[in-house]
Amino acid sequence: MAIASATASISSTFTISTIFPAGQGTVTITNPGRAFRVLTVLGTGIAASVITLKKNTTGGATAAVCTTDVTGEPLPAILTTANVDFLATDNIFLAVATQNATQVDILCVATAGGQALTTAVA
């Protein structure tokens, strides 16, 4: 049985972290300057926060949605795999539905052009 070949990126992970100002429902991180793939998103804050990560603007493609539990601790993010790759020129748009998140951590890995090696996978 033949295994289809693919490619894999070899890179260190890094975290993009931001704190929501009190009562503010959106944050835009402008042009992070490197290409990357979102691996997961963790939000903390008041119970039952819903945080949406999109490309560029409020109308952009949704990359991830994460929530917090009743104590404000993060739950696993739901990723839209078709939208998790960001270019170096893409903005990161974060929105919190109930304006009660305090911090968002985005775990990423570099991709093409973002200090990553690409290798064949057999």
Foldseek 3Di string as FASTA:
>chain_A
DDDDKDKDKDFDKDKDKDWDDQPDFKDKAFQQQAKKFWPWKWWFFAAWKKKWKAKADPPGDTAWIWTAHNRRGTDTIDGPRVGRIDHSRIMIMMGIDVRTITMMMTMITGDVRHPIDMDMDD
